[in-house]
Amino acid sequence: MKQIKSLDQAKLAEITKQGRVVLEWSAGWCPDCRFLEPALPEIEQNFADCKFYQIDRDGSIDLAKELKILGIPSFVVYQDGQEIGRLVNKDRKTKDEVETFLKSLD
């Protein structure tokens, strides 16, 4: 999973313009993000048709506010430049919840 420390609108448009892209918003200090982190490589492997990016919420705070990323970890999925789904809330997420969400977008 590629990590992006600072994301703005131009870079967002660039990385999401083609194919299915999953953005995982997180922060180093977030215990719920650390809880999910061990499962991320397997989730990425199980959805090999997607490009995954881990976005540092603190380094991208303006865009996070604009996109209404109100809790972390959160997932926003794009298909060919258009947002097609989001799992955005303040709850701790499990591997099963994330995979169920990703499957629901097909």
PDB file of N, CA and C in Angstrom:
ATOM      1  N   MET A   1       0.854  -1.182   0.000  1.00  0.00           N
ATOM      2  CA  MET A   1       0.000   0.000   0.000  1.00  0.00           C
ATOM      3  C   MET A   1       0.894   1.237   0.000  1.00  0.00           C
ATOM      4  N   LYS A   2       0.662   2.079  -0.985  1.00  0.00           N
ATOM      5  CA  LYS A   2       1.450   3.295  -1.082  1.00  0.00           C
ATOM      6  C   LYS A   2       0.960   4.305  -0.050  1.00  0.00           C
ATOM      7  N   GLN A   3       1.903   4.963   0.622  1.00  0.00           N
ATOM      8  CA  GLN A   3       1.552   5.951   1.636  1.00  0.00           C
ATOM      9  C   GLN A   3       1.723   7.355   1.077  1.00  0.00           C
ATOM     10  N   ILE A   4       0.748   8.209   1.381  1.00  0.00           N
ATOM     11  CA  ILE A   4       0.788   9.603   0.951  1.00  0.00           C
ATOM     12  C   ILE A   4       0.691  10.475   2.202  1.00  0.00           C
ATOM     13  N   LYS A   5       1.726  11.271   2.425  1.00  0.00           N
ATOM     14  CA  LYS A   5       1.776  12.125   3.623  1.00  0.00           C
ATOM     15  C   LYS A   5       0.917  13.375   3.475  1.00  0.00           C
ATOM     16  N   SER A   6       0.825  13.897   2.248  1.00  0.00           N
ATOM     17  CA  SER A   6       0.070  15.128   2.032  1.00  0.00           C
ATOM     18  C   SER A   6      -0.694  15.005   0.710  1.00  0.00           C
ATOM     19  N   LEU A   7      -2.006  15.080   0.788  1.00  0.00           N
ATOM     20  CA  LEU A   7      -2.863  14.935  -0.387  1.00  0.00           C
ATOM     21  C   LEU A   7      -3.678  16.205  -0.573  1.00  0.00           C
ATOM     22  N   ASP A   8      -3.665  16.714  -1.801  1.00  0.00           N
ATOM     23  CA  ASP A   8      -4.506  17.864  -2.124  1.00  0.00           C
ATOM     24  C   ASP A   8      -5.424  17.479  -3.285  1.00  0.00           C
ATOM     25  N   GLN A   9      -6.274  18.405  -3.684  1.00  0.00           N
ATOM     26  CA  GLN A   9      -7.292  18.132  -4.709  1.00  0.00           C
ATOM     27  C   GLN A   9      -6.646  17.693  -6.033  1.00  0.00           C
ATOM     28  N   ALA A  10      -5.545  18.329  -6.431  1.00  0.00           N
ATOM     29  CA  ALA A  10      -4.890  17.991  -7.703  1.00  0.00           C
ATOM     30  C   ALA A  10      -4.327  16.569  -7.660  1.00  0.00           C
ATOM     31  N   LYS A  11      -3.652  16.219  -6.578  1.00  0.00           N
ATOM     32  CA  LYS A  11      -3.072  14.872  -6.447  1.00  0.00           C
ATOM     33  C   LYS A  11      -4.195  13.833  -6.342  1.00  0.00           C
ATOM     34  N   LEU A  12      -5.281  14.170  -5.643  1.00  0.00           N
ATOM     35  CA  LEU A  12      -6.432  13.273  -5.543  1.00  0.00           C
ATOM     36  C   LEU A  12      -6.975  12.957  -6.938  1.00  0.00           C
ATOM     37  N   ALA A  13      -7.148  13.980  -7.764  1.00  0.00           N
ATOM     38  CA  ALA A  13      -7.660  13.779  -9.125  1.00  0.00           C
ATOM     39  C   ALA A  13      -6.702  12.903  -9.931  1.00  0.00           C
ATOM     40  N   GLU A  14      -5.410  13.111  -9.736  1.00  0.00           N
ATOM     41  CA  GLU A  14      -4.405  12.341 -10.475  1.00  0.00           C
ATOM     42  C   GLU A  14      -4.429  10.852 -10.109  1.00  0.00           C
ATOM     43  N   ILE A  15      -4.474  10.543  -8.816  1.00  0.00           N
ATOM     44  CA  ILE A  15      -4.379   9.130  -8.408  1.00  0.00           C
ATOM     45  C   ILE A  15      -5.688   8.372  -8.565  1.00  0.00           C
ATOM     46  N   THR A  16      -6.813   9.085  -8.680  1.00  0.00           N
ATOM     47  CA  THR A  16      -8.110   8.406  -8.781  1.00  0.00           C
ATOM     48  C   THR A  16      -8.686   8.397 -10.191  1.00  0.00           C
ATOM     49  N   LYS A  17      -7.975   8.953 -11.172  1.00  0.00           N
ATOM     50  CA  LYS A  17      -8.568   9.146 -12.496  1.00  0.00           C
ATOM     51  C   LYS A  17      -8.818   7.861 -13.269  1.00  0.00           C
ATOM     52  N   GLN A  18      -8.103   6.785 -12.946  1.00  0.00           N
ATOM     53  CA  GLN A  18      -8.254   5.563 -13.734  1.00  0.00           C
ATOM     54  C   GLN A  18      -8.320   4.339 -12.828  1.00  0.00           C
ATOM     55  N   GLY A  19      -9.312   3.481 -13.082  1.00  0.00           N
ATOM     56  CA  GLY A  19      -9.457   2.248 -12.331  1.00  0.00           C
ATOM     57  C   GLY A  19     -10.116   2.459 -10.982  1.00  0.00           C
ATOM     58  N   ARG A  20     -10.083   1.406 -10.179  1.00  0.00           N
ATOM     59  CA  ARG A  20     -10.668   1.468  -8.833  1.00  0.00           C
ATOM     60  C   ARG A  20      -9.564   1.767  -7.832  1.00  0.00           C
ATOM     61  N   VAL A  21      -9.784   2.805  -7.039  1.00  0.00           N
ATOM     62  CA  VAL A  21      -8.790   3.276  -6.080  1.00  0.00           C
ATOM     63  C   VAL A  21      -9.430   3.346  -4.698  1.00  0.00           C
ATOM     64  N   VAL A  22      -8.747   2.760  -3.713  1.00  0.00           N
ATOM     65  CA  VAL A  22      -9.208   2.764  -2.324  1.00  0.00           C
ATOM     66  C   VAL A  22      -8.272   3.654  -1.524  1.00  0.00           C
ATOM     67  N   LEU A  23      -8.831   4.699  -0.899  1.00  0.00           N
ATOM     68  CA  LEU A  23      -8.059   5.565  -0.019  1.00  0.00           C
ATOM     69  C   LEU A  23      -8.387   5.202   1.416  1.00  0.00           C
ATOM     70  N   GLU A  24      -7.363   4.836   2.161  1.00  0.00           N
ATOM     71  CA  GLU A  24      -7.535   4.562   3.591  1.00  0.00           C
ATOM     72  C   GLU A  24      -6.956   5.749   4.348  1.00  0.00           C
ATOM     73  N   TRP A  25      -7.828   6.502   4.989  1.00  0.00           N
ATOM     74  CA  TRP A  25      -7.426   7.679   5.756  1.00  0.00           C
ATOM     75  C   TRP A  25      -7.087   7.234   7.163  1.00  0.00           C
ATOM     76  N   SER A  26      -5.900   7.617   7.646  1.00  0.00           N
ATOM     77  CA  SER A  26      -5.481   7.216   8.987  1.00  0.00           C
ATOM     78  C   SER A  26      -4.487   8.226   9.535  1.00  0.00           C
ATOM     79  N   ALA A  27      -3.991   7.953  10.733  1.00  0.00           N
ATOM     80  CA  ALA A  27      -2.969   8.793  11.370  1.00  0.00           C
ATOM     81  C   ALA A  27      -2.136   7.913  12.297  1.00  0.00           C
ATOM     82  N   GLY A  28      -0.888   8.278  12.460  1.00  0.00           N
ATOM     83  CA  GLY A  28       0.031   7.497  13.276  1.00  0.00           C
ATOM     84  C   GLY A  28      -0.381   7.375  14.734  1.00  0.00           C
ATOM     85  N   TRP A  29      -1.083   8.356  15.253  1.00  0.00           N
ATOM     86  CA  TRP A  29      -1.471   8.370  16.667  1.00  0.00           C
ATOM     87  C   TRP A  29      -2.785   7.637  16.928  1.00  0.00           C
ATOM     88  N   CYS A  30      -3.455   7.172  15.893  1.00  0.00           N
ATOM     89  CA  CYS A  30      -4.822   6.634  15.992  1.00  0.00           C
ATOM     90  C   CYS A  30      -4.805   5.150  16.395  1.00  0.00           C
ATOM     91  N   PRO A  31      -5.293   4.800  17.591  1.00  0.00           N
ATOM     92  CA  PRO A  31      -5.275   3.389  18.007  1.00  0.00           C
ATOM     93  C   PRO A  31      -6.168   2.490  17.145  1.00  0.00           C
ATOM     94  N   ASP A  32      -7.295   3.004  16.653  1.00  0.00           N
ATOM     95  CA  ASP A  32      -8.166   2.188  15.799  1.00  0.00           C
ATOM     96  C   ASP A  32      -7.513   1.923  14.449  1.00  0.00           C
ATOM     97  N   CYS A  33      -6.703   2.873  13.976  1.00  0.00           N
ATOM     98  CA  CYS A  33      -5.947   2.666  12.727  1.00  0.00           C
ATOM     99  C   CYS A  33      -4.892   1.581  12.931  1.00  0.00           C
ATOM    100  N   ARG A  34      -4.207   1.617  14.063  1.00  0.00           N
ATOM    101  CA  ARG A  34      -3.177   0.608  14.361  1.00  0.00           C
ATOM    102  C   ARG A  34      -3.816  -0.774  14.529  1.00  0.00           C
ATOM    103  N   PHE A  35      -5.037  -0.832  15.061  1.00  0.00           N
ATOM    104  CA  PHE A  35      -5.761  -2.094  15.222  1.00  0.00           C
ATOM    105  C   PHE A  35      -5.980  -2.763  13.866  1.00  0.00           C
ATOM    106  N   LEU A  36      -6.332  -1.979  12.866  1.00  0.00           N
ATOM    107  CA  LEU A  36      -6.649  -2.509  11.542  1.00  0.00           C
ATOM    108  C   LEU A  36      -5.403  -2.754  10.693  1.00  0.00           C
ATOM    109  N   GLU A  37      -4.322  -2.069  11.003  1.00  0.00           N
ATOM    110  CA  GLU A  37      -3.120  -2.101  10.158  1.00  0.00           C
ATOM    111  C   GLU A  37      -2.607  -3.508   9.812  1.00  0.00           C
ATOM    112  N   PRO A  38      -2.577  -4.477  10.749  1.00  0.00           N
ATOM    113  CA  PRO A  38      -2.083  -5.811  10.388  1.00  0.00           C
ATOM    114  C   PRO A  38      -2.916  -6.506   9.305  1.00  0.00           C
ATOM    115  N   ALA A  39      -4.178  -6.144   9.171  1.00  0.00           N
ATOM    116  CA  ALA A  39      -5.058  -6.775   8.181  1.00  0.00           C
ATOM    117  C   ALA A  39      -4.971  -6.125   6.806  1.00  0.00           C
ATOM    118  N   LEU A  40      -4.392  -4.950   6.716  1.00  0.00           N
ATOM    119  CA  LEU A  40      -4.395  -4.215   5.445  1.00  0.00           C
ATOM    120  C   LEU A  40      -3.690  -4.951   4.304  1.00  0.00           C
ATOM    121  N   PRO A  41      -2.524  -5.587   4.514  1.00  0.00           N
ATOM    122  CA  PRO A  41      -1.912  -6.306   3.393  1.00  0.00           C
ATOM    123  C   PRO A  41      -2.803  -7.418   2.828  1.00  0.00           C
ATOM    124  N   GLU A  42      -3.513  -8.124   3.701  1.00  0.00           N
ATOM    125  CA  GLU A  42      -4.405  -9.191   3.240  1.00  0.00           C
ATOM    126  C   GLU A  42      -5.619  -8.610   2.507  1.00  0.00           C
ATOM    127  N   ILE A  43      -6.159  -7.514   3.010  1.00  0.00           N
ATOM    128  CA  ILE A  43      -7.277  -6.856   2.321  1.00  0.00           C
ATOM    129  C   ILE A  43      -6.824  -6.428   0.933  1.00  0.00           C
ATOM    130  N   GLU A  44      -5.651  -5.838   0.858  1.00  0.00           N
ATOM    131  CA  GLU A  44      -5.118  -5.390  -0.434  1.00  0.00           C
ATOM    132  C   GLU A  44      -4.925  -6.575  -1.380  1.00  0.00           C
ATOM    133  N   GLN A  45      -4.449  -7.686  -0.858  1.00  0.00           N
ATOM    134  CA  GLN A  45      -4.248  -8.886  -1.672  1.00  0.00           C
ATOM    135  C   GLN A  45      -5.584  -9.449  -2.162  1.00  0.00           C
ATOM    136  N   ASN A  46      -6.603  -9.421  -1.290  1.00  0.00           N
ATOM    137  CA  ASN A  46      -7.916  -9.960  -1.642  1.00  0.00           C
ATOM    138  C   ASN A  46      -8.660  -9.094  -2.662  1.00  0.00           C
ATOM    139  N   PHE A  47      -8.223  -7.863  -2.825  1.00  0.00           N
ATOM    140  CA  PHE A  47      -8.850  -6.945  -3.787  1.00  0.00           C
ATOM    141  C   PHE A  47      -7.759  -6.411  -4.716  1.00  0.00           C
ATOM    142  N   ALA A  48      -7.095  -7.344  -5.379  1.00  0.00           N
ATOM    143  CA  ALA A  48      -5.924  -7.026  -6.208  1.00  0.00           C
ATOM    144  C   ALA A  48      -6.268  -6.147  -7.402  1.00  0.00           C
ATOM    145  N   ASP A  49      -7.553  -6.054  -7.764  1.00  0.00           N
ATOM    146  CA  ASP A  49      -7.949  -5.198  -8.881  1.00  0.00           C
ATOM    147  C   ASP A  49      -8.013  -3.728  -8.483  1.00  0.00           C
ATOM    148  N   CYS A  50      -7.813  -3.433  -7.199  1.00  0.00           N
ATOM    149  CA  CYS A  50      -7.858  -2.063  -6.689  1.00  0.00           C
ATOM    150  C   CYS A  50      -6.448  -1.558  -6.408  1.00  0.00           C
ATOM    151  N   LYS A  51      -6.272  -0.247  -6.532  1.00  0.00           N
ATOM    152  CA  LYS A  51      -5.040   0.409  -6.076  1.00  0.00           C
ATOM    153  C   LYS A  51      -5.348   0.989  -4.697  1.00  0.00           C
ATOM    154  N   PHE A  52      -4.479   0.700  -3.736  1.00  0.00           N
ATOM    155  CA  PHE A  52      -4.670   1.154  -2.365  1.00  0.00           C
ATOM    156  C   PHE A  52      -3.669   2.246  -2.011  1.00  0.00           C
ATOM    157  N   TYR A  53      -4.158   3.278  -1.331  1.00  0.00           N
ATOM    158  CA  TYR A  53      -3.311   4.345  -0.823  1.00  0.00           C
ATOM    159  C   TYR A  53      -3.687   4.597   0.637  1.00  0.00           C
ATOM    160  N   GLN A  54      -2.675   4.749   1.466  1.00  0.00           N
ATOM    161  CA  GLN A  54      -2.905   5.134   2.860  1.00  0.00           C
ATOM    162  C   GLN A  54      -2.602   6.626   2.957  1.00  0.00           C
ATOM    163  N   ILE A  55      -3.601   7.390   3.358  1.00  0.00           N
ATOM    164  CA  ILE A  55      -3.497   8.842   3.398  1.00  0.00           C
ATOM    165  C   ILE A  55      -3.329   9.299   4.844  1.00  0.00           C
ATOM    166  N   ASP A  56      -2.293  10.083   5.096  1.00  0.00           N
ATOM    167  CA  ASP A  56      -2.078  10.665   6.421  1.00  0.00           C
ATOM    168  C   ASP A  56      -3.072  11.806   6.605  1.00  0.00           C
ATOM    169  N   ARG A  57      -4.043  11.574   7.438  1.00  0.00           N
ATOM    170  CA  ARG A  57      -5.100  12.565   7.652  1.00  0.00           C
ATOM    171  C   ARG A  57      -4.516  13.885   8.166  1.00  0.00           C
ATOM    172  N   ASP A  58      -3.540  13.815   9.060  1.00  0.00           N
ATOM    173  CA  ASP A  58      -2.991  15.040   9.650  1.00  0.00           C
ATOM    174  C   ASP A  58      -2.224  15.870   8.618  1.00  0.00           C
ATOM    175  N   GLY A  59      -1.584  15.218   7.648  1.00  0.00           N
ATOM    176  CA  GLY A  59      -0.863  15.930   6.607  1.00  0.00           C
ATOM    177  C   GLY A  59      -1.762  16.390   5.473  1.00  0.00           C
ATOM    178  N   SER A  60      -3.024  15.963   5.524  1.00  0.00           N
ATOM    179  CA  SER A  60      -3.987  16.278   4.455  1.00  0.00           C
ATOM    180  C   SER A  60      -5.279  16.823   5.055  1.00  0.00           C
ATOM    181  N   ILE A  61      -5.143  17.570   6.147  1.00  0.00           N
ATOM    182  CA  ILE A  61      -6.308  17.961   6.944  1.00  0.00           C
ATOM    183  C   ILE A  61      -7.312  18.815   6.165  1.00  0.00           C
ATOM    184  N   ASP A  62      -6.827  19.696   5.282  1.00  0.00           N
ATOM    185  CA  ASP A  62      -7.761  20.535   4.520  1.00  0.00           C
ATOM    186  C   ASP A  62      -8.635  19.693   3.597  1.00  0.00           C
ATOM    187  N   LEU A  63      -8.020  18.744   2.893  1.00  0.00           N
ATOM    188  CA  LEU A  63      -8.792  17.878   2.007  1.00  0.00           C
ATOM    189  C   LEU A  63      -9.705  16.952   2.821  1.00  0.00           C
ATOM    190  N   ALA A  64      -9.216  16.475   3.961  1.00  0.00           N
ATOM    191  CA  ALA A  64     -10.045  15.623   4.822  1.00  0.00           C
ATOM    192  C   ALA A  64     -11.320  16.370   5.233  1.00  0.00           C
ATOM    193  N   LYS A  65     -11.184  17.627   5.596  1.00  0.00           N
ATOM    194  CA  LYS A  65     -12.363  18.427   5.973  1.00  0.00           C
ATOM    195  C   LYS A  65     -13.290  18.595   4.772  1.00  0.00           C
ATOM    196  N   GLU A  66     -12.705  18.896   3.624  1.00  0.00           N
ATOM    197  CA  GLU A  66     -13.491  19.100   2.397  1.00  0.00           C
ATOM    198  C   GLU A  66     -14.275  17.835   2.035  1.00  0.00           C
ATOM    199  N   LEU A  67     -13.648  16.671   2.226  1.00  0.00           N
ATOM    200  CA  LEU A  67     -14.294  15.394   1.892  1.00  0.00           C
ATOM    201  C   LEU A  67     -15.128  14.835   3.043  1.00  0.00           C
ATOM    202  N   LYS A  68     -15.190  15.587   4.145  1.00  0.00           N
ATOM    203  CA  LYS A  68     -15.976  15.184   5.316  1.00  0.00           C
ATOM    204  C   LYS A  68     -15.500  13.843   5.888  1.00  0.00           C
ATOM    205  N   ILE A  69     -14.180  13.702   6.014  1.00  0.00           N
ATOM    206  CA  ILE A  69     -13.588  12.544   6.685  1.00  0.00           C
ATOM    207  C   ILE A  69     -13.612  12.878   8.169  1.00  0.00           C
ATOM    208  N   LEU A  70     -14.657  12.434   8.842  1.00  0.00           N
ATOM    209  CA  LEU A  70     -14.917  12.854  10.218  1.00  0.00           C
ATOM    210  C   LEU A  70     -14.353  11.887  11.252  1.00  0.00           C
ATOM    211  N   GLY A  71     -13.901  10.756  10.841  1.00  0.00           N
ATOM    212  CA  GLY A  71     -13.317   9.785  11.765  1.00  0.00           C
ATOM    213  C   GLY A  71     -12.322   8.935  11.008  1.00  0.00           C
ATOM    214  N   ILE A  72     -11.419   8.328  11.746  1.00  0.00           N
ATOM    215  CA  ILE A  72     -10.427   7.456  11.121  1.00  0.00           C
ATOM    216  C   ILE A  72     -10.297   6.178  11.935  1.00  0.00           C
ATOM    217  N   PRO A  73      -9.952   5.067  11.322  1.00  0.00           N
ATOM    218  CA  PRO A  73      -9.688   4.928   9.894  1.00  0.00           C
ATOM    219  C   PRO A  73     -10.980   5.008   9.084  1.00  0.00           C
ATOM    220  N   SER A  74     -10.865   5.577   7.906  1.00  0.00           N
ATOM    221  CA  SER A  74     -11.994   5.670   6.992  1.00  0.00           C
ATOM    222  C   SER A  74     -11.531   5.291   5.600  1.00  0.00           C
ATOM    223  N   PHE A  75     -12.468   4.791   4.807  1.00  0.00           N
ATOM    224  CA  PHE A  75     -12.176   4.342   3.450  1.00  0.00           C
ATOM    225  C   PHE A  75     -13.083   5.070   2.472  1.00  0.00           C
ATOM    226  N   VAL A  76     -12.474   5.595   1.399  1.00  0.00           N
ATOM    227  CA  VAL A  76     -13.226   6.221   0.322  1.00  0.00           C
ATOM    228  C   VAL A  76     -12.753   5.561  -0.970  1.00  0.00           C
ATOM    229  N   VAL A  77     -13.706   5.118  -1.783  1.00  0.00           N
ATOM    230  CA  VAL A  77     -13.387   4.366  -2.998  1.00  0.00           C
ATOM    231  C   VAL A  77     -13.827   5.157  -4.218  1.00  0.00           C
ATOM    232  N   TYR A  78     -12.928   5.186  -5.204  1.00  0.00           N
ATOM    233  CA  TYR A  78     -13.181   5.874  -6.469  1.00  0.00           C
ATOM    234  C   TYR A  78     -13.110   4.876  -7.612  1.00  0.00           C
ATOM    235  N   GLN A  79     -13.918   5.120  -8.635  1.00  0.00           N
ATOM    236  CA  GLN A  79     -13.862   4.356  -9.887  1.00  0.00           C
ATOM    237  C   GLN A  79     -13.748   5.368 -11.016  1.00  0.00           C
ATOM    238  N   ASP A  80     -12.636   5.333 -11.722  1.00  0.00           N
ATOM    239  CA  ASP A  80     -12.399   6.230 -12.859  1.00  0.00           C
ATOM    240  C   ASP A  80     -12.721   7.685 -12.521  1.00  0.00           C
ATOM    241  N   GLY A  81     -12.224   8.141 -11.369  1.00  0.00           N
ATOM    242  CA  GLY A  81     -12.345   9.538 -10.977  1.00  0.00           C
ATOM    243  C   GLY A  81     -13.593   9.919 -10.215  1.00  0.00           C
ATOM    244  N   GLN A  82     -14.551   8.998 -10.084  1.00  0.00           N
ATOM    245  CA  GLN A  82     -15.797   9.297  -9.376  1.00  0.00           C
ATOM    246  C   GLN A  82     -15.868   8.511  -8.075  1.00  0.00           C
ATOM    247  N   GLU A  83     -16.258   9.178  -6.995  1.00  0.00           N
ATOM    248  CA  GLU A  83     -16.436   8.465  -5.731  1.00  0.00           C
ATOM    249  C   GLU A  83     -17.620   7.515  -5.861  1.00  0.00           C
ATOM    250  N   ILE A  84     -17.408   6.252  -5.478  1.00  0.00           N
ATOM    251  CA  ILE A  84     -18.495   5.264  -5.579  1.00  0.00           C
ATOM    252  C   ILE A  84     -18.894   4.691  -4.226  1.00  0.00           C
ATOM    253  N   GLY A  85     -18.152   5.000  -3.170  1.00  0.00           N
ATOM    254  CA  GLY A  85     -18.530   4.491  -1.856  1.00  0.00           C
ATOM    255  C   GLY A  85     -17.597   4.984  -0.786  1.00  0.00           C
ATOM    256  N   ARG A  86     -18.124   4.984   0.442  1.00  0.00           N
ATOM    257  CA  ARG A  86     -17.301   5.396   1.574  1.00  0.00           C
ATOM    258  C   ARG A  86     -17.727   4.668   2.833  1.00  0.00           C
ATOM    259  N   LEU A  87     -16.743   4.327   3.612  1.00  0.00           N
ATOM    260  CA  LEU A  87     -16.928   3.754   4.946  1.00  0.00           C
ATOM    261  C   LEU A  87     -16.251   4.740   5.888  1.00  0.00           C
ATOM    262  N   VAL A  88     -16.999   5.778   6.241  1.00  0.00           N
ATOM    263  CA  VAL A  88     -16.455   6.901   6.994  1.00  0.00           C
ATOM    264  C   VAL A  88     -17.265   7.060   8.275  1.00  0.00           C
ATOM    265  N   ASN A  89     -16.619   6.775   9.390  1.00  0.00           N
ATOM    266  CA  ASN A  89     -17.226   6.990  10.701  1.00  0.00           C
ATOM    267  C   ASN A  89     -16.120   6.935  11.746  1.00  0.00           C
ATOM    268  N   LYS A  90     -16.501   7.098  12.995  1.00  0.00           N
ATOM    269  CA  LYS A  90     -15.510   7.133  14.065  1.00  0.00           C
ATOM    270  C   LYS A  90     -15.329   5.774  14.736  1.00  0.00           C
ATOM    271  N   ASP A  91     -15.926   4.726  14.172  1.00  0.00           N
ATOM    272  CA  ASP A  91     -15.890   3.406  14.801  1.00  0.00           C
ATOM    273  C   ASP A  91     -14.634   2.636  14.409  1.00  0.00           C
ATOM    274  N   ARG A  92     -14.193   1.758  15.305  1.00  0.00           N
ATOM    275  CA  ARG A  92     -13.123   0.815  14.980  1.00  0.00           C
ATOM    276  C   ARG A  92     -13.655  -0.138  13.918  1.00  0.00           C
ATOM    277  N   LYS A  93     -12.835  -0.419  12.922  1.00  0.00           N
ATOM    278  CA  LYS A  93     -13.264  -1.283  11.828  1.00  0.00           C
ATOM    279  C   LYS A  93     -12.474  -2.583  11.852  1.00  0.00           C
ATOM    280  N   THR A  94     -13.143  -3.657  11.465  1.00  0.00           N
ATOM    281  CA  THR A  94     -12.488  -4.961  11.390  1.00  0.00           C
ATOM    282  C   THR A  94     -12.198  -5.289   9.933  1.00  0.00           C
ATOM    283  N   LYS A  95     -11.353  -6.280   9.724  1.00  0.00           N
ATOM    284  CA  LYS A  95     -11.040  -6.759   8.378  1.00  0.00           C
ATOM    285  C   LYS A  95     -12.324  -7.171   7.666  1.00  0.00           C
ATOM    286  N   ASP A  96     -13.198  -7.915   8.353  1.00  0.00           N
ATOM    287  CA  ASP A  96     -14.458  -8.372   7.744  1.00  0.00           C
ATOM    288  C   ASP A  96     -15.342  -7.201   7.325  1.00  0.00           C
ATOM    289  N   GLU A  97     -15.435  -6.177   8.165  1.00  0.00           N
ATOM    290  CA  GLU A  97     -16.259  -5.014   7.824  1.00  0.00           C
ATOM    291  C   GLU A  97     -15.733  -4.318   6.571  1.00  0.00           C
ATOM    292  N   VAL A  98     -14.427  -4.150   6.500  1.00  0.00           N
ATOM    293  CA  VAL A  98     -13.829  -3.473   5.346  1.00  0.00           C
ATOM    294  C   VAL A  98     -14.040  -4.303   4.085  1.00  0.00           C
ATOM    295  N   GLU A  99     -13.816  -5.616   4.169  1.00  0.00           N
ATOM    296  CA  GLU A  99     -13.994  -6.465   2.989  1.00  0.00           C
ATOM    297  C   GLU A  99     -15.455  -6.530   2.557  1.00  0.00           C
ATOM    298  N   THR A 100     -16.381  -6.579   3.497  1.00  0.00           N
ATOM    299  CA  THR A 100     -17.803  -6.571   3.164  1.00  0.00           C
ATOM    300  C   THR A 100     -18.166  -5.266   2.451  1.00  0.00           C
ATOM    301  N   PHE A 101     -17.648  -4.165   2.947  1.00  0.00           N
ATOM    302  CA  PHE A 101     -17.869  -2.862   2.307  1.00  0.00           C
ATOM    303  C   PHE A 101     -17.328  -2.863   0.882  1.00  0.00           C
ATOM    304  N   LEU A 102     -16.099  -3.323   0.698  1.00  0.00           N
ATOM    305  CA  LEU A 102     -15.489  -3.328  -0.643  1.00  0.00           C
ATOM    306  C   LEU A 102     -16.249  -4.232  -1.602  1.00  0.00           C
ATOM    307  N   LYS A 103     -16.723  -5.390  -1.116  1.00  0.00           N
ATOM    308  CA  LYS A 103     -17.494  -6.306  -1.968  1.00  0.00           C
ATOM    309  C   LYS A 103     -18.832  -5.674  -2.371  1.00  0.00           C
ATOM    310  N   SER A 104     -19.399  -4.860  -1.494  1.00  0.00           N
ATOM    311  CA  SER A 104     -20.714  -4.257  -1.761  1.00  0.00           C
ATOM    312  C   SER A 104     -20.671  -3.265  -2.921  1.00  0.00           C
ATOM    313  N   LEU A 105     -19.495  -2.844  -3.330  1.00  0.00           N
ATOM    314  CA  LEU A 105     -19.361  -1.851  -4.400  1.00  0.00           C
ATOM    315  C   LEU A 105     -19.383  -2.465  -5.788  1.00  0.00           C
ATOM    316  N   ASP A 106     -19.354  -3.796  -5.873  1.00  0.00           N
ATOM    317  CA  ASP A 106     -19.354  -4.465  -7.187  1.00  0.00           C
ATOM    318  C   ASP A 106     -20.753  -4.632  -7.741  1.00  0.00           C
TER     319      ASP A 106
END
